[in-house]
């Protein structure tokens, strides 16, 4: 599981294989510098300099590699990922110069291309490592931390629900707390009923070893600006009594993807030493079915005091998030960011690669959109029209947990959550998929961090 922390190393003149970069337009000039046998070898590999292409070129008793990129001056996070996947194990040195910012981005994909999830395999899937040397020594630590955080999201999401239940999420939080000298508080089982009644109601049907809990991690100077990171931790979502189809349940081990993002972002914040008081909250439950399962038509009392009519037991993620958002608001956070694999409607609108972003304020959205563009982790802002709150009206309670019709499902879910965020608090909600349905260079099929880099970059800009 995860990736090595030595895939990027300082260049101190070690023996290394040269890795040249070229483009489709520049390849003809590059090829003129090759010998006849070298040109023949490149031609035999049908290398044209196109972005993503790779060739191995003989050079006496050694060899070098040449990789095609779109623009050597703006490498992007995934431009070298294909090369890192396909090159033989060894140490490589980029030939030529590239701007520091471009190289920093490329280091990210180089590392994540070597990620593999081997926990259940008899033999590791990847050979390796492929090490990239860089003279930008000061950026190595930051690049490694970011790649390790993204790999953590992948690991947690890829792990099956039996091994990644609420207790396992608690164990991950405990590991973080010990590593960074943070405070950890956990409320479990029936003790939730008083303070966090909706978390309790959603998780009470699970087996004892998957009992629900509210995981709370605190770190940093108490006098620093307080920020809260909240992640939906539904370790498996059967749909409850509004049960999903077998096809719908197939990927529901990933329904704790919001929690994975929250824990990974907390790790980045603490590792970077941002000047904040961090409050990380993970409501961790399994949405199971048993005799005491939450029923359609039930009315729950929330931590905030609002009554919630349950019109769909498969709209459970917003219930557990609501109690956690209420607690974050009580602690007077100046900024709350939540992550959740919340709605299929967001995926219908934006597909698997773009997290839907909802904010109260334009400036929050602008900062996160800019951070996403800067890091290659783009997000897309979605609306929360005030008129759509009518879709959540209940005839017997303060609010319903799901909309009365088929429209604007992602927006109405965000509107529901906003009811539990305190007045005047800056808030951002990521409705993220946390999964890649098909492989791309550096981004294998499976668990994915979508919105993580954007959120961290925004926080660094503000609190770094």
Foldseek 3Di string as FASTA:
>chain_A
DFFDLQQEAACPPDDAAEEEEDALVCVVVVCVPDDPQQNVQCVVLVDRLHQLDKGWGDDVVRIHMYHHAHDQQQGAQQRCLSVQQPPAATEYEYPDDYDPLNVLSPLLSSGLSQDDACPPPPDDDGDYDYHYHDNVVVSSVVSSLVNRLFRLLQNQLQDALVCNAQVNLLVLVVVLCVVLVKDKDKDWAPSCCVQFVLLNQQAVFDDPVRTWMKIKIKDADPPFAEEEEEFEAACFFQQEPLGDDPVVRPSRNNQRSQSSLLSSLVSSCSVVVFHYTYIYIYGTHHRDYDPSHDDQQDWIQGNVRFIEHENTSSQSSLSNLLSVLLVSQVSVHQEYETEGLGDPVQCVVPNAQAWEKEWDDPVVVVQLQVQCVSNVQHHHYDDQDPVQQVQQDDPPTRTYSFGPDDPDRVNNSVVSSVVRHDPNHTYMYTNHNQFDCDDDRSRHGGGGDHSSSSVSSSSVVVGD
